[in-house]
Amino acid sequence: MTFFTLVIATLVALPIALLITRFRWLNVPVLGILGILYTVPSLALIILLVPLFGLNARSVIVAMVLYTQVILVRSLVVGLQSIKPAVLEAATGMGMSAWQRWWQIQVPLILPIFLAGLRIAAIVAIAIATIGAKFGAGGLGTLLFDGIAQAGRYDKIWAGAIVVSLLAFALNAAILSLEWATSPTRRIRQSARQKRQLSQLTQT
């Protein structure tokens, strides 16, 4: 459920970030509204959504998407605004279409910043998904809440807590490795290393 929610959240956040980048005056009101949503306790947000979506996984998924928007939108906006206009103008001058500029220039440049935001959003989503088990969403939180409901079942409580923690650590490590792999600094170092190796081969 967490992976599915992060995909939806990203698909929602991307057009919002593109609009903010295109129309700068939207920055303060949109991020302000998303910031207000983020300050609402996750439990309260799910309860507010239950009358609209029911006591099921849909309420939890919507809460997770709303809760992660401020993180994802902000990271995408920062990434998009960090691209210098001269870079895009040069790409256009080379004959690139808008689609080519997006995939070959913008995406590689914003990816490390976006992944940093996605890593934080993933941890937030896991935390909300765990609470969501109380609202019929299922998942790993079910084991935790079953242990709490059954007085003295500390084995279930510990098992649920450990599994959720391991999932959070694993997801954090996976996204962190992607963040490192797409880092511009790493690519520059790798390029410099390849040039040195090529230089050594030509000298021999």
C-alpha atoms as a PDB file:
ATOM      1  CA  MET A   1       0.000   0.000   0.000  1.00  0.00           C
ATOM      2  CA  THR A   2       2.850   2.398   0.763  1.00  0.00           C
ATOM      3  CA  PHE A   3       4.449   1.991  -2.680  1.00  0.00           C
ATOM      4  CA  PHE A   4       1.083   2.429  -4.425  1.00  0.00           C
ATOM      5  CA  THR A   5       0.387   5.561  -2.380  1.00  0.00           C
ATOM      6  CA  LEU A   6       3.796   7.087  -3.147  1.00  0.00           C
ATOM      7  CA  VAL A   7       3.199   6.571  -6.875  1.00  0.00           C
ATOM      8  CA  ILE A   8      -0.178   8.333  -6.648  1.00  0.00           C
ATOM      9  CA  ALA A   9       1.290  11.101  -4.472  1.00  0.00           C
ATOM     10  CA  THR A  10       4.082  11.701  -6.999  1.00  0.00           C
ATOM     11  CA  LEU A  11       1.618  11.808  -9.911  1.00  0.00           C
ATOM     12  CA  VAL A  12      -0.405  14.411  -8.003  1.00  0.00           C
ATOM     13  CA  ALA A  13       2.614  16.432  -6.829  1.00  0.00           C
ATOM     14  CA  LEU A  14       4.314  16.706 -10.232  1.00  0.00           C
ATOM     15  CA  PRO A  15       1.679  18.809 -12.045  1.00  0.00           C
ATOM     16  CA  ILE A  16       1.289  21.003  -8.948  1.00  0.00           C
ATOM     17  CA  ALA A  17       5.055  21.611  -8.880  1.00  0.00           C
ATOM     18  CA  LEU A  18       5.096  22.358 -12.616  1.00  0.00           C
ATOM     19  CA  LEU A  19       2.298  24.912 -12.165  1.00  0.00           C
ATOM     20  CA  ILE A  20       4.129  26.581  -9.269  1.00  0.00           C
ATOM     21  CA  THR A  21       7.324  26.721 -11.333  1.00  0.00           C
ATOM     22  CA  ARG A  22       5.431  28.200 -14.294  1.00  0.00           C
ATOM     23  CA  PHE A  23       3.371  30.651 -12.219  1.00  0.00           C
ATOM     24  CA  ARG A  24       5.566  31.772  -9.315  1.00  0.00           C
ATOM     25  CA  TRP A  25       2.701  33.588  -7.563  1.00  0.00           C
ATOM     26  CA  LEU A  26       1.166  30.175  -6.752  1.00  0.00           C
ATOM     27  CA  ASN A  27       4.163  29.276  -4.571  1.00  0.00           C
ATOM     28  CA  VAL A  28       3.009  30.872  -1.313  1.00  0.00           C
ATOM     29  CA  PRO A  29      -0.736  29.994  -1.402  1.00  0.00           C
ATOM     30  CA  VAL A  30      -0.320  26.395  -2.607  1.00  0.00           C
ATOM     31  CA  LEU A  31       2.552  25.494  -0.287  1.00  0.00           C
ATOM     32  CA  GLY A  32       0.740  27.355   2.497  1.00  0.00           C
ATOM     33  CA  ILE A  33      -2.371  25.185   2.085  1.00  0.00           C
ATOM     34  CA  LEU A  34      -0.278  22.010   1.882  1.00  0.00           C
ATOM     35  CA  GLY A  35       1.649  23.125   4.968  1.00  0.00           C
ATOM     36  CA  ILE A  36      -1.612  23.572   6.891  1.00  0.00           C
ATOM     37  CA  LEU A  37      -2.698  20.055   5.898  1.00  0.00           C
ATOM     38  CA  TYR A  38       0.652  18.734   7.111  1.00  0.00           C
ATOM     39  CA  THR A  39       0.110  20.274  10.558  1.00  0.00           C
ATOM     40  CA  VAL A  40      -3.137  18.334  11.046  1.00  0.00           C
ATOM     41  CA  PRO A  41      -2.418  15.192  13.109  1.00  0.00           C
ATOM     42  CA  SER A  42      -2.565  12.111  10.888  1.00  0.00           C
ATOM     43  CA  LEU A  43      -5.118  10.391  13.124  1.00  0.00           C
ATOM     44  CA  ALA A  44      -7.409  13.433  12.986  1.00  0.00           C
ATOM     45  CA  LEU A  45      -7.015  13.689   9.202  1.00  0.00           C
ATOM     46  CA  ILE A  46      -8.048  10.058   8.700  1.00  0.00           C
ATOM     47  CA  ILE A  47     -11.076  10.568  10.972  1.00  0.00           C
ATOM     48  CA  LEU A  48     -12.105  13.636   8.930  1.00  0.00           C
ATOM     49  CA  LEU A  49     -11.886  11.580   5.727  1.00  0.00           C
ATOM     50  CA  VAL A  50     -13.916   8.607   7.015  1.00  0.00           C
ATOM     51  CA  PRO A  51     -17.338  10.249   6.323  1.00  0.00           C
ATOM     52  CA  LEU A  52     -16.235  10.891   2.720  1.00  0.00           C
ATOM     53  CA  PHE A  53     -14.467   7.629   1.863  1.00  0.00           C
ATOM     54  CA  GLY A  54     -15.641   5.203   4.537  1.00  0.00           C
ATOM     55  CA  LEU A  55     -13.903   3.225   7.253  1.00  0.00           C
ATOM     56  CA  ASN A  56     -11.505   1.463   4.895  1.00  0.00           C
ATOM     57  CA  ALA A  57      -8.169   1.695   3.105  1.00  0.00           C
ATOM     58  CA  ARG A  58      -9.343   4.535   0.837  1.00  0.00           C
ATOM     59  CA  SER A  59      -9.481   7.015   3.716  1.00  0.00           C
ATOM     60  CA  VAL A  60      -5.969   6.032   4.761  1.00  0.00           C
ATOM     61  CA  ILE A  61      -4.581   6.246   1.202  1.00  0.00           C
ATOM     62  CA  VAL A  62      -6.095   9.713   0.679  1.00  0.00           C
ATOM     63  CA  ALA A  63      -4.645  10.835   4.024  1.00  0.00           C
ATOM     64  CA  MET A  64      -1.213   9.513   3.032  1.00  0.00           C
ATOM     65  CA  VAL A  65      -1.363  11.288  -0.348  1.00  0.00           C
ATOM     66  CA  LEU A  66      -2.427  14.589   1.245  1.00  0.00           C
ATOM     67  CA  TYR A  67       0.142  14.304   4.013  1.00  0.00           C
ATOM     68  CA  THR A  68       3.064  13.698   1.661  1.00  0.00           C
ATOM     69  CA  GLN A  69       2.164  16.453  -0.817  1.00  0.00           C
ATOM     70  CA  VAL A  70       3.943  19.267   0.996  1.00  0.00           C
ATOM     71  CA  ILE A  71       7.182  17.242   1.041  1.00  0.00           C
ATOM     72  CA  LEU A  72       7.017  16.053  -2.568  1.00  0.00           C
ATOM     73  CA  VAL A  73       5.776  19.328  -4.069  1.00  0.00           C
ATOM     74  CA  ARG A  74       8.401  21.350  -2.217  1.00  0.00           C
ATOM     75  CA  SER A  75      11.244  19.050  -3.318  1.00  0.00           C
ATOM     76  CA  LEU A  76      10.058  19.092  -6.942  1.00  0.00           C
ATOM     77  CA  VAL A  77       9.689  22.883  -6.937  1.00  0.00           C
ATOM     78  CA  VAL A  78      13.183  23.331  -5.482  1.00  0.00           C
ATOM     79  CA  GLY A  79      14.584  20.960  -8.100  1.00  0.00           C
ATOM     80  CA  LEU A  80      12.791  22.629 -11.009  1.00  0.00           C
ATOM     81  CA  GLN A  81      13.659  26.154  -9.880  1.00  0.00           C
ATOM     82  CA  SER A  82      17.324  25.212  -9.438  1.00  0.00           C
ATOM     83  CA  ILE A  83      17.654  24.586 -13.194  1.00  0.00           C
ATOM     84  CA  LYS A  84      19.120  27.684 -14.806  1.00  0.00           C
ATOM     85  CA  PRO A  85      17.110  29.107 -17.736  1.00  0.00           C
ATOM     86  CA  ALA A  86      20.329  29.229 -19.763  1.00  0.00           C
ATOM     87  CA  VAL A  87      20.513  25.423 -19.622  1.00  0.00           C
ATOM     88  CA  LEU A  88      17.008  25.066 -21.055  1.00  0.00           C
ATOM     89  CA  GLU A  89      17.691  27.750 -23.659  1.00  0.00           C
ATOM     90  CA  ALA A  90      20.839  25.912 -24.745  1.00  0.00           C
ATOM     91  CA  ALA A  91      18.863  22.667 -25.041  1.00  0.00           C
ATOM     92  CA  THR A  92      16.245  24.434 -27.155  1.00  0.00           C
ATOM     93  CA  GLY A  93      19.001  25.914 -29.303  1.00  0.00           C
ATOM     94  CA  MET A  94      20.290  22.396 -29.922  1.00  0.00           C
ATOM     95  CA  GLY A  95      16.911  21.506 -31.401  1.00  0.00           C
ATOM     96  CA  MET A  96      15.468  19.588 -28.453  1.00  0.00           C
ATOM     97  CA  SER A  97      11.699  19.418 -28.137  1.00  0.00           C
ATOM     98  CA  ALA A  98       9.931  20.163 -24.840  1.00  0.00           C
ATOM     99  CA  TRP A  99       9.602  16.400 -24.231  1.00  0.00           C
ATOM    100  CA  GLN A 100      13.313  15.827 -24.889  1.00  0.00           C
ATOM    101  CA  ARG A 101      14.256  18.712 -22.586  1.00  0.00           C
ATOM    102  CA  TRP A 102      12.117  17.196 -19.859  1.00  0.00           C
ATOM    103  CA  TRP A 103      13.560  13.675 -20.018  1.00  0.00           C
ATOM    104  CA  GLN A 104      17.157  14.443 -20.984  1.00  0.00           C
ATOM    105  CA  ILE A 105      17.776  17.675 -19.052  1.00  0.00           C
ATOM    106  CA  GLN A 106      15.207  18.397 -16.352  1.00  0.00           C
ATOM    107  CA  VAL A 107      14.537  14.918 -14.970  1.00  0.00           C
ATOM    108  CA  PRO A 108      18.234  14.032 -14.403  1.00  0.00           C
ATOM    109  CA  LEU A 109      18.812  17.404 -12.709  1.00  0.00           C
ATOM    110  CA  ILE A 110      15.812  17.299 -10.365  1.00  0.00           C
ATOM    111  CA  LEU A 111      16.022  13.565  -9.586  1.00  0.00           C
ATOM    112  CA  PRO A 112      18.495  13.742  -6.639  1.00  0.00           C
ATOM    113  CA  ILE A 113      16.483  16.515  -4.939  1.00  0.00           C
ATOM    114  CA  PHE A 114      13.201  14.718  -5.586  1.00  0.00           C
ATOM    115  CA  LEU A 115      14.546  11.445  -4.180  1.00  0.00           C
ATOM    116  CA  ALA A 116      15.613  13.250  -1.004  1.00  0.00           C
ATOM    117  CA  GLY A 117      12.016  14.416  -0.586  1.00  0.00           C
ATOM    118  CA  LEU A 118      10.622  11.016  -1.545  1.00  0.00           C
ATOM    119  CA  ARG A 119      12.723   9.360   1.157  1.00  0.00           C
ATOM    120  CA  ILE A 120      11.149  11.552   3.841  1.00  0.00           C
ATOM    121  CA  ALA A 121       7.676  11.113   2.338  1.00  0.00           C
ATOM    122  CA  ALA A 122       8.107   7.319   2.371  1.00  0.00           C
ATOM    123  CA  ILE A 123       8.807   7.280   6.115  1.00  0.00           C
ATOM    124  CA  VAL A 124       5.791   9.526   6.746  1.00  0.00           C
ATOM    125  CA  ALA A 125       3.633   7.231   4.588  1.00  0.00           C
ATOM    126  CA  ILE A 126       4.746   4.135   6.509  1.00  0.00           C
ATOM    127  CA  ALA A 127       3.877   5.821   9.812  1.00  0.00           C
ATOM    128  CA  ILE A 128       0.384   6.744   8.582  1.00  0.00           C
ATOM    129  CA  ALA A 129      -0.138   3.288   7.039  1.00  0.00           C
ATOM    130  CA  THR A 130       0.648   1.751  10.427  1.00  0.00           C
ATOM    131  CA  ILE A 131      -1.988   3.932  12.105  1.00  0.00           C
ATOM    132  CA  GLY A 132      -4.361   3.146   9.234  1.00  0.00           C
ATOM    133  CA  ALA A 133      -4.622  -0.469  10.368  1.00  0.00           C
ATOM    134  CA  LYS A 134      -6.921   0.834  13.114  1.00  0.00           C
ATOM    135  CA  PHE A 135      -9.315   2.009  10.392  1.00  0.00           C
ATOM    136  CA  GLY A 136      -9.562  -1.257   8.488  1.00  0.00           C
ATOM    137  CA  ALA A 137      -6.716  -0.579   6.067  1.00  0.00           C
ATOM    138  CA  GLY A 138      -4.858  -3.767   6.997  1.00  0.00           C
ATOM    139  CA  GLY A 139      -1.106  -3.952   6.614  1.00  0.00           C
ATOM    140  CA  LEU A 140       1.661  -4.429   9.139  1.00  0.00           C
ATOM    141  CA  GLY A 141      -0.053  -2.197  11.683  1.00  0.00           C
ATOM    142  CA  THR A 142      -2.712  -4.878  12.174  1.00  0.00           C
ATOM    143  CA  LEU A 143      -0.289  -7.074  14.102  1.00  0.00           C
ATOM    144  CA  LEU A 144       0.682  -4.145  16.313  1.00  0.00           C
ATOM    145  CA  PHE A 145      -2.894  -3.133  17.150  1.00  0.00           C
ATOM    146  CA  ASP A 146      -3.966  -6.754  17.672  1.00  0.00           C
ATOM    147  CA  GLY A 147      -1.262  -7.056  20.294  1.00  0.00           C
ATOM    148  CA  ILE A 148      -2.433  -3.856  21.989  1.00  0.00           C
ATOM    149  CA  ALA A 149      -6.077  -5.016  21.929  1.00  0.00           C
ATOM    150  CA  GLN A 150      -5.140  -8.367  23.469  1.00  0.00           C
ATOM    151  CA  ALA A 151      -3.755  -7.361  26.845  1.00  0.00           C
ATOM    152  CA  GLY A 152      -0.393  -8.942  27.522  1.00  0.00           C
ATOM    153  CA  ARG A 153       0.351  -9.962  23.904  1.00  0.00           C
ATOM    154  CA  TYR A 154       3.683  -8.193  23.886  1.00  0.00           C
ATOM    155  CA  ASP A 155       4.974 -10.705  21.343  1.00  0.00           C
ATOM    156  CA  LYS A 156       2.582  -9.277  18.726  1.00  0.00           C
ATOM    157  CA  ILE A 157       3.355  -5.708  19.757  1.00  0.00           C
ATOM    158  CA  TRP A 158       7.114  -6.268  19.473  1.00  0.00           C
ATOM    159  CA  ALA A 159       6.758  -8.229  16.228  1.00  0.00           C
ATOM    160  CA  GLY A 160       4.632  -5.491  14.657  1.00  0.00           C
ATOM    161  CA  ALA A 161       6.943  -2.712  15.826  1.00  0.00           C
ATOM    162  CA  ILE A 162      10.075  -4.514  14.611  1.00  0.00           C
ATOM    163  CA  VAL A 163       8.621  -5.361  11.188  1.00  0.00           C
ATOM    164  CA  VAL A 164       7.402  -1.787  10.621  1.00  0.00           C
ATOM    165  CA  SER A 165      10.791  -0.429  11.699  1.00  0.00           C
ATOM    166  CA  LEU A 166      12.652  -2.819   9.393  1.00  0.00           C
ATOM    167  CA  LEU A 167      10.408  -1.819   6.487  1.00  0.00           C
ATOM    168  CA  ALA A 168      11.110   1.861   7.165  1.00  0.00           C
ATOM    169  CA  PHE A 169      14.869   1.247   7.363  1.00  0.00           C
ATOM    170  CA  ALA A 170      14.857  -0.860   4.175  1.00  0.00           C
ATOM    171  CA  LEU A 171      12.853   1.686   2.183  1.00  0.00           C
ATOM    172  CA  ASN A 172      15.008   4.523   3.464  1.00  0.00           C
ATOM    173  CA  ALA A 173      18.186   2.654   2.479  1.00  0.00           C
ATOM    174  CA  ALA A 174      16.823   1.794  -0.982  1.00  0.00           C
ATOM    175  CA  ILE A 175      15.869   5.381  -1.802  1.00  0.00           C
ATOM    176  CA  LEU A 176      19.094   6.691  -0.275  1.00  0.00           C
ATOM    177  CA  SER A 177      21.108   4.415  -2.570  1.00  0.00           C
ATOM    178  CA  LEU A 178      19.142   5.716  -5.577  1.00  0.00           C
ATOM    179  CA  GLU A 179      19.763   9.259  -4.373  1.00  0.00           C
ATOM    180  CA  TRP A 180      23.489   8.545  -4.175  1.00  0.00           C
ATOM    181  CA  ALA A 181      23.519   6.866  -7.599  1.00  0.00           C
ATOM    182  CA  THR A 182      21.884   9.882  -9.254  1.00  0.00           C
ATOM    183  CA  SER A 183      23.979  12.480  -7.432  1.00  0.00           C
ATOM    184  CA  PRO A 184      25.661  14.959  -9.821  1.00  0.00           C
ATOM    185  CA  THR A 185      28.815  14.846  -7.681  1.00  0.00           C
ATOM    186  CA  ARG A 186      29.066  11.086  -8.150  1.00  0.00           C
ATOM    187  CA  ARG A 187      28.566  11.423 -11.909  1.00  0.00           C
ATOM    188  CA  ILE A 188      31.277  14.088 -12.118  1.00  0.00           C
ATOM    189  CA  ARG A 189      33.703  11.926 -10.145  1.00  0.00           C
ATOM    190  CA  GLN A 190      32.868   8.898 -12.262  1.00  0.00           C
ATOM    191  CA  SER A 191      33.414  10.908 -15.454  1.00  0.00           C
ATOM    192  CA  ALA A 192      36.750  12.218 -14.155  1.00  0.00           C
ATOM    193  CA  ARG A 193      37.813   8.687 -13.215  1.00  0.00           C
ATOM    194  CA  GLN A 194      36.941   7.408 -16.685  1.00  0.00           C
ATOM    195  CA  LYS A 195      38.925  10.240 -18.278  1.00  0.00           C
ATOM    196  CA  ARG A 196      41.968   9.401 -16.143  1.00  0.00           C
ATOM    197  CA  GLN A 197      41.706   5.726 -17.082  1.00  0.00           C
ATOM    198  CA  LEU A 198      41.392   6.635 -20.762  1.00  0.00           C
ATOM    199  CA  SER A 199      44.385   8.959 -20.468  1.00  0.00           C
ATOM    200  CA  GLN A 200      46.461   6.205 -18.876  1.00  0.00           C
ATOM    201  CA  LEU A 201      45.493   3.780 -21.652  1.00  0.00           C
ATOM    202  CA  THR A 202      46.460   6.239 -24.397  1.00  0.00           C
ATOM    203  CA  GLN A 203      49.812   6.928 -22.725  1.00  0.00           C
ATOM    204  CA  THR A 204      50.648   3.244 -22.594  1.00  0.00           C
END
